[in-house]
C-alpha atoms as a PDB file:
ATOM      1  CA  LEU A   1      85.595 164.962  14.768  1.00  0.00           C
ATOM      2  CA  THR A   2      88.350 163.922  12.384  1.00  0.00           C
ATOM      3  CA  ALA A   3      91.818 165.193  11.841  1.00  0.00           C
ATOM      4  CA  ASP A   4      90.730 166.265   8.469  1.00  0.00           C
ATOM      5  CA  LEU A   5      88.871 169.193   9.906  1.00  0.00           C
ATOM      6  CA  ILE A   6      91.730 170.277  12.149  1.00  0.00           C
ATOM      7  CA  ASN A   7      95.118 168.591  11.239  1.00  0.00           C
ATOM      8  CA  PRO A   8      97.893 168.786  13.738  1.00  0.00           C
ATOM      9  CA  SER A   9     100.260 169.500  10.825  1.00  0.00           C
ATOM     10  CA  LEU A  10      98.795 173.062  10.187  1.00  0.00           C
ATOM     11  CA  PRO A  11     100.550 175.997  11.606  1.00  0.00           C
ATOM     12  CA  GLU A  12     100.071 176.703  15.307  1.00  0.00           C
ATOM     13  CA  LYS A  13      98.262 179.927  14.698  1.00  0.00           C
ATOM     14  CA  ILE A  14      95.591 178.222  12.350  1.00  0.00           C
ATOM     15  CA  ILE A  15      95.203 175.334  14.812  1.00  0.00           C
ATOM     16  CA  ASN A  16      94.488 177.868  17.576  1.00  0.00           C
ATOM     17  CA  GLU A  17      92.036 179.754  15.577  1.00  0.00           C
ATOM     18  CA  GLN A  18      90.221 176.588  14.587  1.00  0.00           C
ATOM     19  CA  ILE A  19      90.081 175.330  18.162  1.00  0.00           C
ATOM     20  CA  ASN A  20      88.660 178.736  19.328  1.00  0.00           C
ATOM     21  CA  GLN A  21      86.009 178.637  16.587  1.00  0.00           C
ATOM     22  CA  ILE A  22      85.014 174.993  17.224  1.00  0.00           C
ATOM     23  CA  ASN A  23      84.683 175.645  20.979  1.00  0.00           C
ATOM     24  CA  TYR A  24      82.516 178.612  20.297  1.00  0.00           C
ATOM     25  CA  TRP A  25      79.953 176.736  18.149  1.00  0.00           C
ATOM     26  CA  ARG A  26      80.084 173.555  20.265  1.00  0.00           C
ATOM     27  CA  LYS A  27      79.279 175.625  23.398  1.00  0.00           C
ATOM     28  CA  LYS A  28      76.708 177.716  21.619  1.00  0.00           C
ATOM     29  CA  PHE A  29      74.807 174.782  20.287  1.00  0.00           C
ATOM     30  CA  LYS A  30      75.610 172.263  23.200  1.00  0.00           C
ATOM     31  CA  ILE A  31      77.550 169.897  20.892  1.00  0.00           C
ATOM     32  CA  GLU A  32      79.723 167.216  22.519  1.00  0.00           C
ATOM     33  CA  ILE A  33      82.816 165.998  20.856  1.00  0.00           C
ATOM     34  CA  SER A  34      82.936 162.505  22.403  1.00  0.00           C
ATOM     35  CA  SER A  35      85.982 161.355  20.317  1.00  0.00           C
ATOM     36  CA  THR A  36      88.357 162.468  17.578  1.00  0.00           C
ATOM     37  CA  PHE A  37      89.812 160.192  14.858  1.00  0.00           C
ATOM     38  CA  THR A  38      92.121 160.101  11.957  1.00  0.00           C
ATOM     39  CA  GLY A  39      90.364 160.691   8.744  1.00  0.00           C
ATOM     40  CA  ALA A  40      90.659 159.960   4.964  1.00  0.00           C
ATOM     41  CA  PHE A  41      93.797 162.166   4.522  1.00  0.00           C
ATOM     42  CA  THR A  42      95.565 160.566   7.510  1.00  0.00           C
ATOM     43  CA  ARG A  43      94.806 156.963   6.731  1.00  0.00           C
ATOM     44  CA  LEU A  44      98.467 156.058   6.328  1.00  0.00           C
ATOM     45  CA  ASN A  45     101.022 153.638   7.699  1.00  0.00           C
ATOM     46  CA  HIS A  46     102.010 156.199  10.365  1.00  0.00           C
ATOM     47  CA  LEU A  47     103.411 154.142  13.272  1.00  0.00           C
ATOM     48  CA  THR A  48     104.231 151.065  11.167  1.00  0.00           C
ATOM     49  CA  HIS A  49     106.382 152.982   8.501  1.00  0.00           C
ATOM     50  CA  PRO A  50     109.658 151.346   7.964  1.00  0.00           C
ATOM     51  CA  ASP A  51     111.511 154.596   8.511  1.00  0.00           C
ATOM     52  CA  LYS A  52     112.195 155.433  12.088  1.00  0.00           C
ATOM     53  CA  GLU A  53     112.338 159.179  11.458  1.00  0.00           C
ATOM     54  CA  ILE A  54     108.849 159.071   9.909  1.00  0.00           C
ATOM     55  CA  ARG A  55     107.426 156.991  12.749  1.00  0.00           C
ATOM     56  CA  LEU A  56     108.864 159.667  15.190  1.00  0.00           C
ATOM     57  CA  TYR A  57     107.119 162.332  13.143  1.00  0.00           C
ATOM     58  CA  TRP A  58     103.788 160.410  13.618  1.00  0.00           C
ATOM     59  CA  ILE A  59     104.332 160.002  17.370  1.00  0.00           C
ATOM     60  CA  ASN A  60     104.708 163.731  17.740  1.00  0.00           C
ATOM     61  CA  TRP A  61     101.616 164.143  15.355  1.00  0.00           C
ATOM     62  CA  PHE A  62      99.394 162.082  17.606  1.00  0.00           C
ATOM     63  CA  LYS A  63     100.723 163.711  20.690  1.00  0.00           C
ATOM     64  CA  LYS A  64      99.625 167.105  19.057  1.00  0.00           C
ATOM     65  CA  PHE A  65      96.281 165.548  18.051  1.00  0.00           C
ATOM     66  CA  ILE A  66      95.758 164.509  21.705  1.00  0.00           C
ATOM     67  CA  GLU A  67      96.523 168.178  22.840  1.00  0.00           C
ATOM     68  CA  ILE A  68      93.913 169.468  20.268  1.00  0.00           C
ATOM     69  CA  SER A  69      91.371 166.997  21.412  1.00  0.00           C
ATOM     70  CA  ILE A  70      91.794 167.865  25.011  1.00  0.00           C
ATOM     71  CA  LYS A  71      91.469 171.514  24.182  1.00  0.00           C
ATOM     72  CA  LEU A  72      88.082 170.650  22.525  1.00  0.00           C
ATOM     73  CA  GLY A  73      86.772 168.897  25.601  1.00  0.00           C
ATOM     74  CA  CYS A  74      87.321 165.496  24.330  1.00  0.00           C
ATOM     75  CA  ASP A  75      89.066 162.619  26.240  1.00  0.00           C
ATOM     76  CA  THR A  76      89.084 159.836  23.571  1.00  0.00           C
ATOM     77  CA  VAL A  77      91.340 159.740  20.569  1.00  0.00           C
ATOM     78  CA  GLY A  78      91.538 157.040  17.772  1.00  0.00           C
ATOM     79  CA  SER A  79      92.940 155.599  14.552  1.00  0.00           C
ATOM     80  CA  HIS A  80      93.615 152.431  12.748  1.00  0.00           C
ATOM     81  CA  PHE A  81      96.619 150.625  14.328  1.00  0.00           C
ATOM     82  CA  GLY A  82      98.920 150.889  11.263  1.00  0.00           C
ATOM     83  CA  ILE A  83      99.499 149.623   7.768  1.00  0.00           C
ATOM     84  CA  VAL A  84     102.408 147.698   6.244  1.00  0.00           C
ATOM     85  CA  THR A  85     103.367 146.888   2.702  1.00  0.00           C
ATOM     86  CA  THR A  86     102.540 143.496   1.191  1.00  0.00           C
ATOM     87  CA  GLU A  87     106.134 142.615   1.188  1.00  0.00           C
ATOM     88  CA  ASP A  88     106.498 143.246   4.891  1.00  0.00           C
ATOM     89  CA  TYR A  89     103.156 141.474   5.749  1.00  0.00           C
ATOM     90  CA  GLU A  90     104.557 138.348   3.851  1.00  0.00           C
ATOM     91  CA  ASN A  91     107.802 138.360   5.978  1.00  0.00           C
ATOM     92  CA  LYS A  92     106.836 137.152   9.406  1.00  0.00           C
ATOM     93  CA  LEU A  93     109.907 138.523  11.223  1.00  0.00           C
ATOM     94  CA  ILE A  94     109.538 142.025   9.771  1.00  0.00           C
ATOM     95  CA  PHE A  95     105.859 142.044  10.289  1.00  0.00           C
ATOM     96  CA  ASN A  96     106.259 141.303  13.838  1.00  0.00           C
ATOM     97  CA  LYS A  97     108.832 143.925  14.206  1.00  0.00           C
ATOM     98  CA  ARG A  98     106.600 146.531  12.723  1.00  0.00           C
ATOM     99  CA  LYS A  99     103.802 145.567  14.901  1.00  0.00           C
ATOM    100  CA  ASN A 100     105.958 145.702  18.084  1.00  0.00           C
ATOM    101  CA  ASP A 101     107.482 149.118  17.040  1.00  0.00           C
ATOM    102  CA  ALA A 102     103.819 150.362  16.575  1.00  0.00           C
ATOM    103  CA  ILE A 103     102.737 148.893  20.065  1.00  0.00           C
ATOM    104  CA  ASN A 104     105.790 150.728  21.712  1.00  0.00           C
ATOM    105  CA  SER A 105     104.858 153.991  19.879  1.00  0.00           C
ATOM    106  CA  TRP A 106     101.314 153.722  20.817  1.00  0.00           C
ATOM    107  CA  HIS A 107     102.331 153.358  24.504  1.00  0.00           C
ATOM    108  CA  GLU A 108     104.536 156.340  24.247  1.00  0.00           C
ATOM    109  CA  ILE A 109     101.459 158.305  22.830  1.00  0.00           C
ATOM    110  CA  GLY A 110      99.321 156.925  25.529  1.00  0.00           C
ATOM    111  CA  ALA A 111     101.715 157.860  28.278  1.00  0.00           C
ATOM    112  CA  TYR A 112     101.793 161.421  27.063  1.00  0.00           C
ATOM    113  CA  GLY A 113      98.029 161.546  26.773  1.00  0.00           C
ATOM    114  CA  LYS A 114      97.428 160.295  30.248  1.00  0.00           C
ATOM    115  CA  GLN A 115      99.599 163.134  31.594  1.00  0.00           C
ATOM    116  CA  ILE A 116      97.280 165.836  30.032  1.00  0.00           C
ATOM    117  CA  GLY A 117      93.876 164.234  30.658  1.00  0.00           C
ATOM    118  CA  LEU A 118      93.347 161.479  27.897  1.00  0.00           C
ATOM    119  CA  LYS A 119      90.993 158.677  29.098  1.00  0.00           C
ATOM    120  CA  GLN A 120      91.485 156.133  26.426  1.00  0.00           C
ATOM    121  CA  ILE A 121      92.691 155.412  22.830  1.00  0.00           C
ATOM    122  CA  ILE A 122      90.659 153.532  20.437  1.00  0.00           C
ATOM    123  CA  TRP A 123      91.901 151.567  17.432  1.00  0.00           C
ATOM    124  CA  GLU A 124      90.010 150.123  14.534  1.00  0.00           C
ATOM    125  CA  PRO A 125      90.221 146.643  13.346  1.00  0.00           C
ATOM    126  CA  MET A 126      90.395 146.458   9.557  1.00  0.00           C
ATOM    127  CA  SER A 127      89.515 143.979   6.761  1.00  0.00           C
ATOM    128  CA  VAL A 128      92.989 142.796   5.437  1.00  0.00           C
ATOM    129  CA  GLY A 129      95.934 141.318   7.149  1.00  0.00           C
ATOM    130  CA  ARG A 130      98.423 144.010   6.514  1.00  0.00           C
ATOM    131  CA  GLU A 131      96.108 146.560   8.164  1.00  0.00           C
ATOM    132  CA  PHE A 132      95.753 144.498  11.348  1.00  0.00           C
ATOM    133  CA  GLY A 133      92.922 142.969  13.349  1.00  0.00           C
ATOM    134  CA  GLU A 134      90.997 141.483  10.370  1.00  0.00           C
ATOM    135  CA  THR A 135      89.745 138.386  12.005  1.00  0.00           C
ATOM    136  CA  ILE A 136      88.107 138.013  15.393  1.00  0.00           C
ATOM    137  CA  GLU A 137      90.969 135.952  16.717  1.00  0.00           C
ATOM    138  CA  LYS A 138      93.651 138.490  15.443  1.00  0.00           C
ATOM    139  CA  CYS A 139      91.736 141.434  16.853  1.00  0.00           C
ATOM    140  CA  SER A 140      91.470 139.734  20.200  1.00  0.00           C
ATOM    141  CA  LYS A 141      95.187 138.996  20.289  1.00  0.00           C
ATOM    142  CA  LEU A 142      96.150 142.537  19.239  1.00  0.00           C
ATOM    143  CA  GLN A 143      93.788 144.020  21.748  1.00  0.00           C
ATOM    144  CA  ASN A 144      95.560 142.029  24.503  1.00  0.00           C
ATOM    145  CA  GLU A 145      99.002 142.934  23.244  1.00  0.00           C
ATOM    146  CA  LEU A 146      98.138 146.586  23.135  1.00  0.00           C
ATOM    147  CA  ASN A 147      96.812 146.546  26.745  1.00  0.00           C
ATOM    148  CA  GLU A 148      99.680 144.685  28.193  1.00  0.00           C
ATOM    149  CA  ASN A 149     101.822 147.098  30.340  1.00  0.00           C
ATOM    150  CA  SER A 150      99.941 149.914  28.717  1.00  0.00           C
ATOM    151  CA  PRO A 151      99.865 153.317  30.477  1.00  0.00           C
ATOM    152  CA  ILE A 152      96.223 153.996  29.350  1.00  0.00           C
ATOM    153  CA  PRO A 153      93.241 151.588  28.131  1.00  0.00           C
ATOM    154  CA  PHE A 154      93.074 150.838  24.568  1.00  0.00           C
ATOM    155  CA  LYS A 155      89.558 150.133  23.333  1.00  0.00           C
ATOM    156  CA  ILE A 156      88.168 149.012  19.994  1.00  0.00           C
ATOM    157  CA  CYS A 157      86.407 151.173  17.413  1.00  0.00           C
ATOM    158  CA  LEU A 158      84.115 148.486  15.936  1.00  0.00           C
ATOM    159  CA  ASP A 159      83.138 148.945  12.301  1.00  0.00           C
ATOM    160  CA  VAL A 160      80.172 146.741  11.287  1.00  0.00           C
ATOM    161  CA  ASP A 161      81.538 146.444   7.723  1.00  0.00           C
ATOM    162  CA  HIS A 162      84.989 145.224   8.399  1.00  0.00           C
ATOM    163  CA  GLY A 163      86.412 141.789   8.773  1.00  0.00           C
ATOM    164  CA  ASP A 164      88.143 139.343   6.169  1.00  0.00           C
ATOM    165  CA  ILE A 165      85.713 138.031   3.713  1.00  0.00           C
ATOM    166  CA  SER A 166      88.528 135.495   2.608  1.00  0.00           C
ATOM    167  CA  SER A 167      88.540 133.908   6.007  1.00  0.00           C
ATOM    168  CA  ASN A 168      87.585 130.153   6.294  1.00  0.00           C
ATOM    169  CA  ASN A 169      85.575 131.211   9.486  1.00  0.00           C
ATOM    170  CA  PRO A 170      82.305 132.926   8.414  1.00  0.00           C
ATOM    171  CA  ASP A 171      82.086 134.624  11.856  1.00  0.00           C
ATOM    172  CA  ASP A 172      85.047 136.898  10.668  1.00  0.00           C
ATOM    173  CA  TYR A 173      82.881 138.674   8.272  1.00  0.00           C
ATOM    174  CA  ASP A 174      79.553 138.469  10.222  1.00  0.00           C
ATOM    175  CA  PRO A 175      78.952 141.943  11.791  1.00  0.00           C
ATOM    176  CA  TYR A 176      76.702 140.557  14.476  1.00  0.00           C
ATOM    177  CA  LYS A 177      79.391 138.033  15.671  1.00  0.00           C
ATOM    178  CA  TRP A 178      81.902 141.040  15.863  1.00  0.00           C
ATOM    179  CA  LEU A 179      79.282 143.022  17.890  1.00  0.00           C
ATOM    180  CA  GLU A 180      78.698 140.154  20.302  1.00  0.00           C
ATOM    181  CA  LYS A 181      82.369 139.442  20.921  1.00  0.00           C
ATOM    182  CA  PHE A 182      83.591 143.075  21.147  1.00  0.00           C
ATOM    183  CA  CYS A 183      80.760 145.553  21.899  1.00  0.00           C
ATOM    184  CA  LYS A 184      81.843 145.595  25.618  1.00  0.00           C
ATOM    185  CA  LEU A 185      85.289 146.768  24.578  1.00  0.00           C
ATOM    186  CA  SER A 186      83.955 149.244  21.967  1.00  0.00           C
ATOM    187  CA  PRO A 187      82.911 152.654  23.065  1.00  0.00           C
ATOM    188  CA  VAL A 188      82.438 153.568  19.477  1.00  0.00           C
ATOM    189  CA  ILE A 189      80.713 151.670  16.662  1.00  0.00           C
ATOM    190  CA  HIS A 190      81.051 152.855  12.908  1.00  0.00           C
ATOM    191  CA  LEU A 191      77.907 152.339  10.883  1.00  0.00           C
ATOM    192  CA  LYS A 192      77.241 152.076   7.215  1.00  0.00           C
ATOM    193  CA  GLN A 193      74.952 149.822   5.099  1.00  0.00           C
ATOM    194  CA  SER A 194      76.678 146.919   3.526  1.00  0.00           C
ATOM    195  CA  SER A 195      75.991 143.792   1.485  1.00  0.00           C
ATOM    196  CA  ASN A 196      77.339 140.121   1.752  1.00  0.00           C
ATOM    197  CA  ASN A 197      80.192 141.197  -0.684  1.00  0.00           C
ATOM    198  CA  LYS A 198      81.177 144.132   1.622  1.00  0.00           C
ATOM    199  CA  GLY A 199      80.679 146.692  -1.247  1.00  0.00           C
ATOM    200  CA  GLY A 200      79.455 149.181   1.304  1.00  0.00           C
ATOM    201  CA  HIS A 201      80.007 152.509   3.154  1.00  0.00           C
ATOM    202  CA  TRP A 202      76.519 153.104   1.721  1.00  0.00           C
ATOM    203  CA  PRO A 203      74.039 155.302   3.339  1.00  0.00           C
ATOM    204  CA  PHE A 204      70.865 153.929   5.159  1.00  0.00           C
ATOM    205  CA  THR A 205      68.577 155.023   2.403  1.00  0.00           C
ATOM    206  CA  LYS A 206      65.639 153.048   1.076  1.00  0.00           C
ATOM    207  CA  GLU A 207      67.568 151.904  -2.010  1.00  0.00           C
ATOM    208  CA  PHE A 208      70.414 150.405  -0.069  1.00  0.00           C
ATOM    209  CA  ASN A 209      68.436 149.086   2.910  1.00  0.00           C
ATOM    210  CA  LYS A 210      66.507 146.820   0.558  1.00  0.00           C
ATOM    211  CA  SER A 211      69.640 144.630   0.023  1.00  0.00           C
ATOM    212  CA  GLY A 212      71.682 145.685   2.987  1.00  0.00           C
ATOM    213  CA  LYS A 213      72.527 143.397   6.010  1.00  0.00           C
ATOM    214  CA  ILE A 214      72.949 146.041   8.685  1.00  0.00           C
ATOM    215  CA  ILE A 215      69.665 145.902  10.429  1.00  0.00           C
ATOM    216  CA  PRO A 216      69.329 148.586  13.307  1.00  0.00           C
ATOM    217  CA  LYS A 217      66.964 146.245  15.341  1.00  0.00           C
ATOM    218  CA  LYS A 218      69.477 143.507  15.337  1.00  0.00           C
ATOM    219  CA  VAL A 219      72.394 145.885  16.240  1.00  0.00           C
ATOM    220  CA  ILE A 220      70.433 147.517  19.010  1.00  0.00           C
ATOM    221  CA  GLN A 221      69.184 144.125  20.603  1.00  0.00           C
ATOM    222  CA  ILE A 222      72.805 142.783  20.776  1.00  0.00           C
ATOM    223  CA  LEU A 223      73.725 145.978  22.675  1.00  0.00           C
ATOM    224  CA  ARG A 224      70.737 145.474  24.960  1.00  0.00           C
ATOM    225  CA  ASP A 225      71.450 141.757  25.494  1.00  0.00           C
ATOM    226  CA  LYS A 226      75.045 142.839  26.502  1.00  0.00           C
ATOM    227  CA  LYS A 227      73.611 145.459  28.991  1.00  0.00           C
ATOM    228  CA  ILE A 228      75.380 148.299  27.085  1.00  0.00           C
ATOM    229  CA  ASP A 229      73.379 151.651  27.319  1.00  0.00           C
ATOM    230  CA  ASN A 230      76.234 154.147  26.597  1.00  0.00           C
ATOM    231  CA  ILE A 231      77.832 153.804  23.286  1.00  0.00           C
ATOM    232  CA  ASP A 232      78.449 156.094  20.332  1.00  0.00           C
ATOM    233  CA  LEU A 233      76.842 154.938  17.011  1.00  0.00           C
ATOM    234  CA  ILE A 234      78.683 157.030  14.339  1.00  0.00           C
ATOM    235  CA  LEU A 235      77.646 157.171  10.745  1.00  0.00           C
ATOM    236  CA  GLU A 236      80.747 156.506   8.538  1.00  0.00           C
ATOM    237  CA  LEU A 237      79.588 156.965   5.046  1.00  0.00           C
ATOM    238  CA  SER A 238      81.483 157.423   1.815  1.00  0.00           C
ATOM    239  CA  PHE A 239      80.249 159.006  -1.436  1.00  0.00           C
ATOM    240  CA  LYS A 240      81.862 158.892  -4.642  1.00  0.00           C
ATOM    241  CA  GLU A 241      83.136 162.037  -6.158  1.00  0.00           C
ATOM    242  CA  ARG A 242      80.646 161.673  -9.202  1.00  0.00           C
ATOM    243  CA  GLU A 243      77.174 162.342  -9.897  1.00  0.00           C
ATOM    244  CA  PRO A 244      74.512 161.562  -8.752  1.00  0.00           C
ATOM    245  CA  TRP A 245      76.421 160.636  -5.615  1.00  0.00           C
ATOM    246  CA  ASP A 246      77.908 164.086  -4.883  1.00  0.00           C
ATOM    247  CA  SER A 247      74.644 165.872  -4.916  1.00  0.00           C
ATOM    248  CA  SER A 248      72.916 163.409  -2.698  1.00  0.00           C
ATOM    249  CA  ILE A 249      75.175 163.653   0.410  1.00  0.00           C
ATOM    250  CA  GLU A 250      72.913 165.926   2.347  1.00  0.00           C
ATOM    251  CA  SER A 251      69.788 164.054   1.694  1.00  0.00           C
ATOM    252  CA  SER A 252      71.351 160.627   2.224  1.00  0.00           C
ATOM    253  CA  LEU A 253      72.764 161.781   5.628  1.00  0.00           C
ATOM    254  CA  ILE A 254      69.255 163.139   6.675  1.00  0.00           C
ATOM    255  CA  GLU A 255      67.442 159.980   5.655  1.00  0.00           C
ATOM    256  CA  SER A 256      70.091 157.892   7.270  1.00  0.00           C
ATOM    257  CA  ILE A 257      69.815 159.742  10.626  1.00  0.00           C
ATOM    258  CA  ARG A 258      66.016 159.464  10.464  1.00  0.00           C
ATOM    259  CA  TYR A 259      66.121 155.848   9.825  1.00  0.00           C
ATOM    260  CA  TRP A 260      68.269 155.051  12.819  1.00  0.00           C
ATOM    261  CA  LYS A 261      66.471 157.451  15.050  1.00  0.00           C
ATOM    262  CA  LYS A 262      63.314 155.206  14.676  1.00  0.00           C
ATOM    263  CA  TYR A 263      65.092 152.476  16.433  1.00  0.00           C
ATOM    264  CA  LEU A 264      66.837 154.255  19.257  1.00  0.00           C
END
């Protein structure tokens, strides 16, 4: 469940009404909310913002998001680590300061979450340097830094379409190398169909599966080889706000789900 559906910035009255509605329907239909995550509207620089007051706002925003998640029966919350400007990324001293400020902020958020029942925080490695974790090496390094003296475990939300395609190491944009390396640290995997040039977020429909490189059998086999039997596979599909995309969302979701269910 993403923050776009129940944003912590909404008035308290609306938040409480939404929590009550969601809890009613999830109990009625036995729906489990296994994790919450920031969404399209909240994919921002948040904890790496250069303005301290804005970072403080986002620390409190995440604390509120954790409170909402716990009330929805969920003990796992996630987001991307942070985003910096190109200028800050190219200045090593400033970049490291932004990173360390964010780590401290995540630890403060984690400490609060631990007090009210949060089990873990998940963060998503991205595809460019200024969004963090874009190569296998840098992802490993940041994962270790996040967990050093952390009040709560930080795990990885692994996206099969991420990784830096400009890297000199082809492993850095090979989804199966990422899976082999990090699946034991990843309670959540984001799935979408993708091509070699990473033009993806495509659904798993016949049209895109012809040229797509995300093959369910290969994904499942790696998880089996690594002795993983409990992991969330989450479709993260995007659709252009144009036709025929807009009218095909429901049918594409249904076809994608049926496609994956054949292999599970």
